[in-house]
Structures are given as C-alpha cells and as structure tokens.
Amino acid sequence: MPIIVDIDVMLAKRKMAVGVLAERVGITPANLAVLKNGRAKAVRFTTLEALCEVLECQPGDLLRWEAEGAASTVEMDDDGARPALRGGSEA
C-alpha cells in the first residue's frame, strides 16, 4: 500500500500509549490499531483532525505516500519534526 501511516512515530515522539491516544481521540483501541498498522481502507477527516489535535501535529506527520515497491528508509530531520525519505527516486 503506497500510503504509509506513521502514527507510531508520533506516539513515540510524544511518549504516549496507544490506549491513551485512542481514549483522547474517541475511537476504540482496535480501530486505532487498524489505522496504525495500515490496514484501514479510509479515515474520516474528523478522526484525522482529532489525531492531529491530540498529537499536536499536521496530517503529513501521520500520513505519507510512497511509490509501490520503493525501497526507502525513513530518517527524522535534525529537529525531529518531519520524516525525510532516503532512497527511491528523488524529486
């Protein structure tokens, strides 16, 4: 799936447990796990908004696009604000 979900990255940066995030966002831990593990077919904007509000981030901090079959690695910028892609094609 070319859409990569980086909720676990933001959880680690915020030192927050999955259960705490689910409670604050207002979704079940099971539904958060489906989203976090990239198995969700869709996400409501209201859920994305709540995730961003609780995690104090932007949608692009949680979701990113990666070409099919791209062998990229993710590294955090020096300030840790946004992931920088290495490998694959560069624009």
N, C-alpha and C. Protein backbone atom coordinates (compact mmCIF):
# COMPACT_ATOMS: atom_id res chain seq x y z
N MET A 1 0.86 -1.19 0.00
CA MET A 1 0.00 0.00 0.00
C MET A 1 0.90 1.24 0.00
N PRO A 2 0.71 2.13 -0.93
CA PRO A 2 1.60 3.29 -1.03
C PRO A 2 1.37 4.37 0.02
N ILE A 3 0.27 4.34 0.76
CA ILE A 3 0.07 5.30 1.85
C ILE A 3 0.62 4.67 3.13
N ILE A 4 1.59 5.33 3.72
CA ILE A 4 2.24 4.84 4.94
C ILE A 4 1.71 5.64 6.13
N VAL A 5 1.32 4.95 7.17
CA VAL A 5 0.79 5.59 8.37
C VAL A 5 1.89 5.60 9.43
N ASP A 6 2.23 6.80 9.89
CA ASP A 6 3.31 6.98 10.86
C ASP A 6 2.81 7.38 12.25
N ILE A 7 1.64 6.87 12.63
CA ILE A 7 1.11 7.19 13.96
C ILE A 7 2.07 6.70 15.05
N ASP A 8 2.67 5.54 14.84
CA ASP A 8 3.59 5.01 15.85
C ASP A 8 4.80 5.92 16.06
N VAL A 9 5.24 6.60 14.99
CA VAL A 9 6.35 7.54 15.11
C VAL A 9 5.95 8.70 16.03
N MET A 10 4.75 9.25 15.79
CA MET A 10 4.29 10.38 16.61
C MET A 10 4.01 9.93 18.05
N LEU A 11 3.50 8.72 18.23
CA LEU A 11 3.28 8.20 19.58
C LEU A 11 4.60 8.13 20.34
N ALA A 12 5.63 7.66 19.68
CA ALA A 12 6.95 7.57 20.33
C ALA A 12 7.49 8.96 20.65
N LYS A 13 7.35 9.89 19.70
CA LYS A 13 7.84 11.25 19.94
C LYS A 13 7.12 11.92 21.09
N ARG A 14 5.83 11.63 21.25
CA ARG A 14 5.02 12.23 22.31
C ARG A 14 5.03 11.40 23.58
N LYS A 15 5.70 10.23 23.53
CA LYS A 15 5.74 9.31 24.67
C LYS A 15 4.34 9.00 25.19
N MET A 16 3.46 8.63 24.25
CA MET A 16 2.06 8.38 24.57
C MET A 16 1.72 6.92 24.22
N ALA A 17 0.93 6.30 25.05
CA ALA A 17 0.49 4.92 24.81
C ALA A 17 -0.68 4.91 23.83
N VAL A 18 -0.81 3.81 23.10
CA VAL A 18 -1.89 3.66 22.12
C VAL A 18 -3.25 3.81 22.79
N GLY A 19 -3.42 3.20 23.95
CA GLY A 19 -4.70 3.28 24.66
C GLY A 19 -5.06 4.69 25.06
N VAL A 20 -4.08 5.46 25.47
CA VAL A 20 -4.30 6.85 25.85
C VAL A 20 -4.73 7.65 24.62
N LEU A 21 -4.03 7.45 23.49
CA LEU A 21 -4.39 8.15 22.26
C LEU A 21 -5.81 7.80 21.83
N ALA A 22 -6.14 6.51 21.85
CA ALA A 22 -7.49 6.08 21.45
C ALA A 22 -8.55 6.75 22.32
N GLU A 23 -8.32 6.79 23.61
CA GLU A 23 -9.29 7.41 24.53
C GLU A 23 -9.44 8.90 24.24
N ARG A 24 -8.33 9.60 24.06
CA ARG A 24 -8.39 11.04 23.82
C ARG A 24 -9.01 11.38 22.47
N VAL A 25 -8.80 10.51 21.48
CA VAL A 25 -9.36 10.74 20.14
C VAL A 25 -10.83 10.34 20.09
N GLY A 26 -11.20 9.36 20.91
CA GLY A 26 -12.59 8.91 20.94
C GLY A 26 -12.86 7.75 19.99
N ILE A 27 -11.85 6.90 19.77
CA ILE A 27 -12.05 5.70 18.97
C ILE A 27 -11.56 4.51 19.79
N THR A 28 -11.97 3.32 19.38
CA THR A 28 -11.57 2.13 20.12
C THR A 28 -10.10 1.81 19.85
N PRO A 29 -9.43 1.20 20.81
CA PRO A 29 -8.05 0.78 20.56
C PRO A 29 -7.93 -0.15 19.35
N ALA A 30 -8.94 -0.98 19.12
CA ALA A 30 -8.91 -1.89 17.96
C ALA A 30 -8.94 -1.10 16.65
N ASN A 31 -9.80 -0.08 16.57
CA ASN A 31 -9.86 0.74 15.36
C ASN A 31 -8.57 1.54 15.17
N LEU A 32 -7.99 2.02 16.25
CA LEU A 32 -6.72 2.73 16.16
C LEU A 32 -5.63 1.79 15.66
N ALA A 33 -5.64 0.55 16.12
CA ALA A 33 -4.65 -0.43 15.67
C ALA A 33 -4.78 -0.70 14.18
N VAL A 34 -6.02 -0.80 13.68
CA VAL A 34 -6.25 -1.00 12.24
C VAL A 34 -5.67 0.17 11.46
N LEU A 35 -5.89 1.38 11.93
CA LEU A 35 -5.35 2.56 11.27
C LEU A 35 -3.83 2.59 11.37
N LYS A 36 -3.31 2.37 12.56
CA LYS A 36 -1.88 2.44 12.83
C LYS A 36 -1.09 1.41 12.03
N ASN A 37 -1.66 0.24 11.82
CA ASN A 37 -0.96 -0.83 11.12
C ASN A 37 -1.18 -0.79 9.60
N GLY A 38 -1.84 0.26 9.11
CA GLY A 38 -2.01 0.43 7.67
C GLY A 38 -3.05 -0.47 7.05
N ARG A 39 -3.96 -1.02 7.83
CA ARG A 39 -4.99 -1.91 7.31
C ARG A 39 -6.30 -1.18 7.03
N ALA A 40 -6.38 0.11 7.36
CA ALA A 40 -7.62 0.86 7.15
C ALA A 40 -7.80 1.18 5.66
N LYS A 41 -9.03 1.11 5.19
CA LYS A 41 -9.35 1.46 3.81
C LYS A 41 -9.60 2.96 3.68
N ALA A 42 -9.97 3.61 4.78
CA ALA A 42 -10.29 5.04 4.77
C ALA A 42 -10.13 5.59 6.18
N VAL A 43 -10.04 6.90 6.26
CA VAL A 43 -10.02 7.58 7.56
C VAL A 43 -10.87 8.83 7.43
N ARG A 44 -11.74 9.04 8.39
CA ARG A 44 -12.58 10.24 8.38
C ARG A 44 -11.73 11.46 8.72
N PHE A 45 -12.07 12.58 8.08
CA PHE A 45 -11.36 13.81 8.38
C PHE A 45 -11.52 14.19 9.85
N THR A 46 -12.66 13.90 10.44
CA THR A 46 -12.85 14.22 11.86
C THR A 46 -11.89 13.41 12.73
N THR A 47 -11.64 12.15 12.35
CA THR A 47 -10.68 11.32 13.09
C THR A 47 -9.26 11.84 12.88
N LEU A 48 -8.93 12.18 11.65
CA LEU A 48 -7.60 12.73 11.36
C LEU A 48 -7.39 14.04 12.10
N GLU A 49 -8.42 14.87 12.13
CA GLU A 49 -8.34 16.14 12.87
C GLU A 49 -8.10 15.89 14.36
N ALA A 50 -8.83 14.93 14.93
CA ALA A 50 -8.67 14.62 16.35
C ALA A 50 -7.27 14.06 16.64
N LEU A 51 -6.77 13.20 15.76
CA LEU A 51 -5.42 12.66 15.93
C LEU A 51 -4.39 13.80 15.92
N CYS A 52 -4.54 14.71 14.98
CA CYS A 52 -3.60 15.83 14.88
C CYS A 52 -3.70 16.74 16.10
N GLU A 53 -4.91 16.96 16.58
CA GLU A 53 -5.08 17.81 17.76
C GLU A 53 -4.42 17.20 18.99
N VAL A 54 -4.68 15.91 19.22
CA VAL A 54 -4.13 15.24 20.40
C VAL A 54 -2.61 15.10 20.30
N LEU A 55 -2.11 14.78 19.12
CA LEU A 55 -0.67 14.58 18.94
C LEU A 55 0.07 15.88 18.62
N GLU A 56 -0.69 16.97 18.48
CA GLU A 56 -0.11 18.28 18.16
C GLU A 56 0.81 18.19 16.95
N CYS A 57 0.22 17.76 15.82
CA CYS A 57 0.99 17.58 14.60
C CYS A 57 0.12 17.93 13.40
N GLN A 58 0.69 17.80 12.22
CA GLN A 58 0.00 18.03 10.97
C GLN A 58 -0.36 16.69 10.33
N PRO A 59 -1.37 16.64 9.44
CA PRO A 59 -1.71 15.37 8.78
C PRO A 59 -0.52 14.71 8.08
N GLY A 60 0.37 15.52 7.52
CA GLY A 60 1.55 14.99 6.85
C GLY A 60 2.54 14.33 7.79
N ASP A 61 2.41 14.59 9.08
CA ASP A 61 3.24 13.90 10.06
C ASP A 61 2.74 12.49 10.32
N LEU A 62 1.48 12.24 9.99
CA LEU A 62 0.86 10.94 10.24
C LEU A 62 0.74 10.09 8.99
N LEU A 63 0.61 10.73 7.83
CA LEU A 63 0.40 10.02 6.56
C LEU A 63 1.42 10.48 5.54
N ARG A 64 1.94 9.53 4.76
CA ARG A 64 2.82 9.89 3.65
C ARG A 64 2.63 8.88 2.53
N TRP A 65 2.94 9.32 1.33
CA TRP A 65 2.83 8.46 0.16
C TRP A 65 4.19 7.93 -0.22
N GLU A 66 4.23 6.66 -0.57
CA GLU A 66 5.45 6.03 -1.03
C GLU A 66 5.11 5.17 -2.23
N ALA A 67 5.87 5.28 -3.30
CA ALA A 67 5.61 4.50 -4.52
C ALA A 67 5.66 3.01 -4.22
N GLU A 68 4.83 2.25 -4.93
CA GLU A 68 4.82 0.79 -4.79
C GLU A 68 6.21 0.22 -5.03
N GLY A 69 6.66 -0.65 -4.16
CA GLY A 69 7.94 -1.32 -4.33
C GLY A 69 9.16 -0.46 -4.06
N ALA A 70 8.96 0.78 -3.63
CA ALA A 70 10.11 1.65 -3.34
C ALA A 70 10.80 1.15 -2.09
N ALA A 71 12.08 1.01 -2.16
CA ALA A 71 12.87 0.57 -1.00
C ALA A 71 13.46 1.80 -0.34
N SER A 72 12.66 2.47 0.46
CA SER A 72 13.09 3.69 1.13
C SER A 72 13.23 3.45 2.61
N THR A 73 14.07 4.23 3.23
CA THR A 73 14.17 4.23 4.68
C THR A 73 13.75 5.60 5.16
N VAL A 74 13.30 5.68 6.39
CA VAL A 74 12.84 6.94 6.94
C VAL A 74 13.81 7.38 8.02
N GLU A 75 14.22 8.63 7.94
CA GLU A 75 15.04 9.23 8.98
C GLU A 75 14.37 10.52 9.41
N MET A 76 14.49 10.85 10.66
CA MET A 76 13.91 12.10 11.14
C MET A 76 14.88 13.23 10.87
N ASP A 77 14.35 14.41 10.55
CA ASP A 77 15.18 15.60 10.39
C ASP A 77 15.87 15.90 11.72
N ASP A 78 16.85 16.80 11.68
CA ASP A 78 17.59 17.16 12.88
C ASP A 78 16.67 17.64 13.99
N ASP A 79 15.61 18.38 13.61
CA ASP A 79 14.69 18.88 14.63
C ASP A 79 13.63 17.85 14.99
N GLY A 80 13.60 16.71 14.29
CA GLY A 80 12.65 15.64 14.59
C GLY A 80 11.23 15.96 14.17
N ALA A 81 11.05 17.02 13.36
CA ALA A 81 9.70 17.46 13.05
C ALA A 81 9.05 16.65 11.94
N ARG A 82 9.75 16.35 10.88
CA ARG A 82 9.16 15.65 9.75
C ARG A 82 10.11 14.58 9.26
N PRO A 83 9.57 13.45 8.82
CA PRO A 83 10.45 12.42 8.28
C PRO A 83 11.02 12.83 6.92
N ALA A 84 12.24 12.46 6.68
CA ALA A 84 12.88 12.69 5.39
C ALA A 84 13.12 11.34 4.74
N LEU A 85 12.70 11.17 3.50
CA LEU A 85 12.86 9.90 2.81
C LEU A 85 14.26 9.81 2.24
N ARG A 86 14.87 8.63 2.36
CA ARG A 86 16.15 8.36 1.73
C ARG A 86 15.97 7.17 0.82
N GLY A 87 16.63 7.18 -0.28
CA GLY A 87 16.50 6.08 -1.23
C GLY A 87 15.32 6.33 -2.14
N GLY A 88 15.08 5.42 -3.06
CA GLY A 88 13.99 5.61 -4.00
C GLY A 88 14.29 6.77 -4.93
N SER A 89 13.31 7.30 -5.61
CA SER A 89 13.53 8.42 -6.53
C SER A 89 13.43 9.73 -5.79
N GLU A 90 14.21 10.69 -6.24
CA GLU A 90 14.19 12.00 -5.61
C GLU A 90 13.56 13.00 -6.56
N ALA A 91 12.80 13.92 -6.02
CA ALA A 91 12.14 14.92 -6.87
C ALA A 91 12.94 16.19 -6.94
